Protein backbone atom coordinates (compact mmCIF):
# COMPACT_ATOMS: atom_id res chain seq x y z
CA UNK A 1 80.34 192.65 71.46
CA UNK A 2 82.98 194.14 73.83
CA UNK A 3 83.29 191.71 76.57
CA UNK A 4 85.13 192.94 80.21
CA UNK A 5 85.59 190.68 83.20
CA UNK A 6 82.47 190.68 85.43
CA UNK A 7 81.46 189.05 88.80
CA UNK A 8 80.53 185.76 89.52
CA UNK A 9 77.50 187.53 91.03
CA UNK A 10 75.21 184.15 91.42
CA UNK A 11 76.25 180.37 93.12
CA UNK A 12 78.49 179.13 90.20
CA UNK A 13 81.81 180.09 89.86
CA UNK A 14 82.81 181.45 86.69
CA UNK A 15 79.32 182.42 85.57
CA UNK A 16 77.87 185.95 85.30
CA UNK A 17 73.54 186.73 85.49
CA UNK A 18 72.94 189.28 83.68
CA UNK A 19 68.82 190.67 84.30
CA UNK A 20 66.54 189.31 87.45
CA UNK A 21 68.03 186.39 89.14
CA UNK A 22 67.46 184.83 92.40
CA UNK A 23 69.43 181.73 94.24
CA UNK A 24 66.92 179.49 95.77
CA UNK A 25 66.00 176.13 96.78
CA UNK A 26 64.42 173.55 94.60
CA UNK A 27 63.31 170.47 95.45
CA UNK A 28 66.89 169.18 96.92
CA UNK A 29 68.27 171.32 94.10
CA UNK A 30 70.13 174.61 94.42
CA UNK A 31 69.75 177.19 91.49
CA UNK A 32 69.72 180.49 89.95
CA UNK A 33 65.51 180.78 89.11
CA UNK A 34 64.11 183.46 87.01
CA UNK A 35 60.43 183.89 85.93
CA UNK A 36 61.62 186.82 82.91
CA UNK A 37 62.49 185.95 79.45
CA UNK A 38 65.46 188.09 78.17
CA UNK A 39 67.88 186.73 81.27
CA UNK A 40 70.97 185.45 80.61
CA UNK A 41 74.20 184.10 81.81
CA UNK A 42 77.40 184.53 80.09
CA UNK A 43 81.09 183.09 80.44
CA UNK A 44 84.33 182.90 78.63
CA UNK A 45 85.84 179.49 78.13
CA UNK A 46 89.49 178.53 78.13
CA UNK A 47 91.03 175.25 77.29
CA UNK A 48 87.76 173.45 76.83
CA UNK A 49 86.17 171.12 74.02
CA UNK A 50 82.72 170.66 75.35
CA UNK A 51 80.49 173.05 78.32
CA UNK A 52 77.38 171.10 79.68
CA UNK A 53 74.88 173.39 80.82
CA UNK A 54 72.22 171.96 83.43
CA UNK A 55 68.86 173.22 84.08
CA UNK A 56 66.13 171.91 86.17
CA UNK A 57 63.40 169.76 84.37
CA UNK A 58 60.23 171.54 83.32
CA UNK A 59 57.16 170.23 83.98
CA UNK A 60 55.19 172.28 81.53
CA UNK A 61 53.57 170.66 78.43
CA UNK A 62 55.00 173.09 75.97
CA UNK A 63 58.91 173.12 76.89
CA UNK A 64 60.83 176.46 77.45
CA UNK A 65 63.51 177.48 75.46
CA UNK A 66 66.90 178.93 75.81
CA UNK A 67 68.79 180.44 73.05
CA UNK A 68 72.91 180.35 73.02
CA UNK A 69 75.64 182.13 71.35
CA UNK A 70 79.10 181.39 71.11
CA UNK A 71 81.23 184.48 70.09
CA UNK A 72 79.55 186.29 67.51
CA UNK A 73 77.80 183.46 66.04
CA UNK A 74 74.01 182.75 65.58
CA UNK A 75 71.76 182.00 68.92
CA UNK A 76 71.19 178.22 68.51
CA UNK A 77 67.44 177.43 70.27
CA UNK A 78 67.08 174.52 72.83
CA UNK A 79 64.19 173.46 74.53
CA UNK A 80 64.48 172.29 78.24
CA UNK A 81 62.44 169.24 77.22
CA UNK A 82 66.30 167.90 76.30
CA UNK A 83 68.75 168.19 78.98
CA UNK A 84 71.49 169.03 79.44
CA UNK A 85 72.64 170.74 77.24
CA UNK A 86 75.93 170.05 75.24
CA UNK A 87 78.04 172.68 73.53
CA UNK A 88 81.01 171.33 71.54
CA UNK A 89 84.24 173.85 71.68
CA UNK A 90 87.51 174.09 70.41
CA UNK A 91 89.80 174.68 72.87
CA UNK A 92 90.98 178.42 72.40
CA UNK A 93 88.86 181.29 74.19
CA UNK A 94 85.17 181.75 73.85
CA UNK A 95 82.29 183.67 75.19
CA UNK A 96 79.30 181.94 75.70
CA UNK A 97 75.70 183.89 75.89
CA UNK A 98 72.57 182.03 77.64
CA UNK A 99 69.74 183.72 76.71
CA UNK A 100 66.04 183.02 78.73
CA UNK A 101 63.85 183.13 75.20
CA UNK A 102 60.89 181.55 75.23
CA UNK A 103 58.30 180.26 77.40
CA UNK A 104 54.01 179.77 77.27
CA UNK A 105 51.92 182.93 78.10
CA UNK A 106 49.70 180.34 80.62
CA UNK A 107 52.94 179.31 82.45
CA UNK A 108 51.90 179.81 85.79
CA UNK A 109 55.34 181.88 86.70
CA UNK A 110 53.88 183.60 89.75
CA UNK A 111 53.16 180.91 91.92
CA UNK A 112 56.77 180.33 93.28
CA UNK A 113 55.54 176.95 94.46
CA UNK A 114 54.96 175.45 90.45
CA UNK A 115 58.67 176.47 89.92
CA UNK A 116 57.48 177.19 86.43
CA UNK A 117 60.30 179.68 85.61
CA UNK A 118 63.88 178.91 84.39
CA UNK A 119 66.18 176.93 87.06
CA UNK A 120 69.73 177.12 85.80
CA UNK A 121 71.88 174.29 88.04
CA UNK A 122 75.04 174.67 86.72
CA UNK A 123 77.68 174.08 84.15
CA UNK A 124 80.47 171.24 83.91
CA UNK A 125 83.40 170.70 81.80
CA UNK A 126 84.08 167.67 81.48
CA UNK A 127 87.19 167.13 79.41
CA UNK A 128 89.18 170.25 82.00
CA UNK A 129 89.48 173.87 80.91
CA UNK A 130 88.36 177.41 82.74
CA UNK A 131 85.25 179.40 82.81
CA UNK A 132 85.50 183.13 83.58
CA UNK A 133 82.72 185.51 84.10
CA UNK A 134 81.74 188.40 81.46
CA UNK A 135 79.81 190.77 81.21
CA UNK A 136 78.65 193.63 78.30
CA UNK A 137 81.37 196.44 78.86
CA UNK A 138 79.16 199.38 78.02
CA UNK A 139 76.51 201.00 79.69
CA UNK A 140 73.91 199.58 81.96
CA UNK A 141 70.09 199.82 80.76
CA UNK A 142 66.69 198.12 82.09
CA UNK A 143 63.40 197.77 80.36
CA UNK A 144 59.67 197.08 81.67
CA UNK A 145 57.17 195.93 79.30
CA UNK A 146 54.93 193.64 78.52
CA UNK A 147 55.13 190.98 76.03
CA UNK A 148 56.44 193.24 73.34
CA UNK A 149 59.61 194.48 75.19
CA UNK A 150 59.71 190.31 76.42
CA UNK A 151 60.17 188.92 72.75
CA UNK A 152 56.73 186.85 72.73
CA UNK A 153 55.23 185.95 69.41
CA UNK A 154 58.44 187.38 67.21
CA UNK A 155 58.17 184.26 64.78
CA UNK A 156 54.90 183.35 64.36
CA UNK A 157 51.65 181.92 66.79
CA UNK A 158 53.22 179.14 68.39
CA UNK A 159 54.01 179.88 72.01
CA UNK A 160 57.41 179.07 73.44
CA UNK A 161 59.20 178.42 70.34
CA UNK A 162 58.20 181.39 67.93
CA UNK A 163 59.43 183.43 70.84
CA UNK A 164 63.14 185.60 70.54
CA UNK A 165 63.53 187.31 73.82
CA UNK A 166 67.23 187.26 72.19
CA UNK A 167 65.46 189.22 69.36
CA UNK A 168 63.43 191.51 70.80
CA UNK A 169 63.92 195.07 70.62
CA UNK A 170 66.06 195.55 74.16
CA UNK A 171 68.09 192.90 73.42
CA UNK A 172 68.86 194.82 69.69
CA UNK A 173 69.09 197.70 71.38
CA UNK A 174 71.60 196.99 74.33
CA UNK A 175 73.77 194.98 71.71
CA UNK A 176 74.21 198.05 69.69
CA UNK A 177 74.94 199.88 72.35
CA UNK A 178 77.41 197.52 74.11
CA UNK A 179 75.22 197.45 77.26
CA UNK A 180 74.55 195.45 79.90
CA UNK A 181 70.25 194.75 79.71
CA UNK A 182 67.86 193.88 82.60
CA UNK A 183 64.61 192.78 81.00
CA UNK A 184 61.12 192.66 83.45
CA UNK A 185 58.41 192.30 80.85
CA UNK A 186 55.27 190.19 81.21
CA UNK A 187 53.36 189.09 79.13
CA UNK A 188 49.43 190.80 78.92
CA UNK A 189 50.99 192.91 82.25
CA UNK A 190 49.90 196.94 81.78
CA UNK A 191 49.85 199.75 84.73
CA UNK A 192 46.86 198.52 85.64
CA UNK A 193 46.64 195.58 83.78
CA UNK A 194 47.42 191.83 85.62
CA UNK A 195 49.76 189.86 83.11
CA UNK A 196 49.43 185.92 82.30
CA UNK A 197 50.54 183.07 84.30
CA UNK A 198 49.70 184.75 87.57
CA UNK A 199 51.24 188.08 87.52
CA UNK A 200 50.15 191.17 88.83
CA UNK A 201 50.12 194.67 87.42
CA UNK A 202 53.68 196.47 87.12
CA UNK A 203 53.98 198.78 90.65
CA UNK A 204 53.67 194.29 92.00
CA UNK A 205 56.10 192.71 89.60
CA UNK A 206 58.29 194.76 89.51
CA UNK A 207 59.84 194.71 92.67
CA UNK A 208 59.27 190.48 93.00
CA UNK A 209 59.99 187.49 90.56
CA UNK A 210 56.96 185.57 91.61
CA UNK A 211 54.07 185.71 94.27
CA UNK A 212 56.65 184.93 97.11
CA UNK A 213 60.83 186.27 96.07
CA UNK A 214 61.78 189.96 96.09
CA UNK A 215 64.38 191.08 93.65
CA UNK A 216 66.71 193.93 95.06
CA UNK A 217 67.00 196.21 91.58
CA UNK A 218 70.20 197.23 90.77
CA UNK A 219 70.16 200.54 91.39
CA UNK A 220 72.90 201.52 89.14
CA UNK A 221 71.28 201.77 85.54
CA UNK A 222 72.08 204.60 82.96
CA UNK A 223 68.64 204.39 81.97
CA UNK A 224 65.11 202.65 82.75
CA UNK A 225 62.79 202.37 79.53
CA UNK A 226 59.58 201.57 80.13
CA UNK A 227 56.77 200.80 77.51
CA UNK A 228 53.56 199.94 79.21
CA UNK A 229 50.13 200.92 77.94
CA UNK A 230 48.63 198.74 75.45
CA UNK A 231 47.51 195.96 77.77
CA UNK A 232 45.27 199.61 79.50
CA UNK A 233 43.14 200.64 76.93
CA UNK A 234 39.71 199.24 78.66
CA UNK A 235 40.67 201.27 82.08
CA UNK A 236 39.53 204.44 82.62
CA UNK A 237 41.86 207.06 81.34
CA UNK A 238 41.91 208.78 84.75
CA UNK A 239 42.39 205.76 86.38
CA UNK A 240 45.67 204.84 84.11
CA UNK A 241 46.91 208.31 84.69
CA UNK A 242 47.08 208.12 88.43
CA UNK A 243 48.41 204.46 88.69
CA UNK A 244 51.24 205.60 86.35
CA UNK A 245 52.23 208.27 87.18
CA UNK A 246 52.30 206.67 91.36
CA UNK A 247 54.87 204.18 89.25
CA UNK A 248 57.10 206.71 87.43
CA UNK A 249 57.72 208.05 91.25
CA UNK A 250 58.08 204.47 92.24
CA UNK A 251 60.90 204.09 89.65
CA UNK A 252 62.40 207.84 90.26
CA UNK A 253 62.52 206.71 94.32
CA UNK A 254 64.38 203.56 93.55
CA UNK A 255 66.65 204.24 90.99
CA UNK A 256 69.98 206.79 91.22
CA UNK A 257 68.99 210.23 90.70
CA UNK A 258 71.30 210.47 87.36
CA UNK A 259 69.19 207.58 85.91
CA UNK A 260 67.15 208.45 83.43
CA UNK A 261 63.43 207.17 83.37
CA UNK A 262 62.06 207.09 79.29
CA UNK A 263 58.37 206.53 79.18
CA UNK A 264 58.03 205.15 75.95
CA UNK A 265 54.14 205.72 73.79
CA UNK A 266 53.29 202.04 73.12
CA UNK A 267 54.09 201.29 69.40
CA UNK A 268 50.43 201.17 68.64
CA UNK A 269 49.86 204.62 69.95
CA UNK A 270 47.57 203.29 72.46
CA UNK A 271 47.08 205.81 75.52
CA UNK A 272 49.94 208.48 73.74
CA UNK A 273 48.45 211.67 75.38
CA UNK A 274 48.20 210.43 78.84
CA UNK A 275 51.50 209.03 78.80
CA UNK A 276 52.76 212.66 76.96
CA UNK A 277 50.97 213.88 80.18
CA UNK A 278 52.63 211.75 82.80
CA UNK A 279 56.44 212.33 81.19
CA UNK A 280 56.16 216.02 81.65
CA UNK A 281 54.83 216.23 85.23
CA UNK A 282 57.75 214.78 87.08
CA UNK A 283 61.37 215.25 86.76
CA UNK A 284 64.12 212.60 85.26
CA UNK A 285 61.24 211.56 82.90
CA UNK A 286 61.02 212.16 78.98
CA UNK A 287 58.44 210.76 76.31
CA UNK A 288 59.86 208.32 73.84
CA UNK A 289 57.63 209.18 71.00
CA UNK A 290 57.16 205.96 68.44
CA UNK A 291 54.62 207.13 65.73
CA UNK A 292 56.35 206.85 62.22
CA UNK A 293 58.38 203.77 63.48
CA UNK A 294 56.15 201.67 61.18
CA UNK A 295 56.91 198.55 63.41
CA UNK A 296 56.31 195.18 60.91
CA UNK A 297 54.21 192.70 62.88
CA UNK A 298 53.84 189.19 63.30
CA UNK A 299 50.18 189.17 64.54
CA UNK A 300 49.07 193.33 63.82
CA UNK A 301 50.35 193.55 67.75
CA UNK A 302 53.56 191.74 68.60
CA UNK A 303 56.77 193.02 65.98
CA UNK A 304 58.31 190.52 63.97
CA UNK A 305 61.79 190.21 63.55
CA UNK A 306 62.02 192.68 61.63
CA UNK A 307 59.92 195.28 63.09
CA UNK A 308 62.12 194.72 66.69
CA UNK A 309 65.40 195.68 64.64
CA UNK A 310 63.04 199.09 63.27
CA UNK A 311 62.54 199.61 67.15
CA UNK A 312 65.60 199.07 68.45
CA UNK A 313 67.32 201.44 65.71
CA UNK A 314 65.22 204.13 66.60
CA UNK A 315 65.39 203.63 70.05
CA UNK A 316 69.18 203.42 69.63
CA UNK A 317 69.33 206.92 68.51
CA UNK A 318 67.25 208.34 71.50
CA UNK A 319 69.30 206.45 73.96
CA UNK A 320 72.87 207.49 72.22
CA UNK A 321 71.81 210.85 73.11
CA UNK A 322 70.74 210.50 76.79
CA UNK A 323 73.76 209.08 77.37
CA UNK A 324 75.78 211.75 75.68
CA UNK A 325 74.26 214.14 77.91
CA UNK A 326 74.40 212.98 80.96
CA UNK A 327 78.03 212.80 80.57
CA UNK A 328 78.09 216.34 79.67
């Protein structure tokens, strides 16, 4: 990954937040808060031997998980029942990435009063050193989807600890492209189908991070990739098409004119023909065909690690062409 110095775009100097975060008060604490798996923060450490990451304790019976990587090492998981999180490092410069990796489908993330998301309350350097906010140097991508896009059930059937937002196809594709990604994905949600945890359908979850907190969309994206429809198969096709056309128009109205909007056919080919039809109806829309990708799964529906790598490999080729066309 190629990093560049970035803005400290939250309430903490030296830290860059990627994805959907909002500053908010939770009790006496002023924190950066998100309800999205795949949301991340990053910084460079210089001259430090320890860094301590602070999150608010969780009230969930099954604690959420974060995944942390130092430089180009592997991601290591920490649950938020054991806080704070201490990182021991050498005093040389190190790039640190922290990804919100797992929760449970039933966490009431859409209830603002429950504060069931991830609440980051800062980083301290007890032995000195400096923090510099950093971000990937490449294009900016937004992924909109359900549990597949969020990275749920990747490793097995245990909620939270078997989730891997940092290994889901959006993260793998973004890393291959050196891109900064925003993830907007909730378990069981669809174009018409509400998600778990009180989450509404796509048109309403897109502009909020919970039932009381609007999100200011970062409109300067190179591409927006939508993978929805898997959870909408019980609805009449005409109703699905009408709602998806409106959602696509909503996206076209929000993002910059030169932002490509890609509508993926779900990996299980659900509603393939309607999605093709929708993509052909609007300017700036294009369909991503996924037949023949041979996605391996952990449960028949959700990609496993190899399945996410396979999906990312195919998607990277498509995105490379899309991005090249934008420059020509």
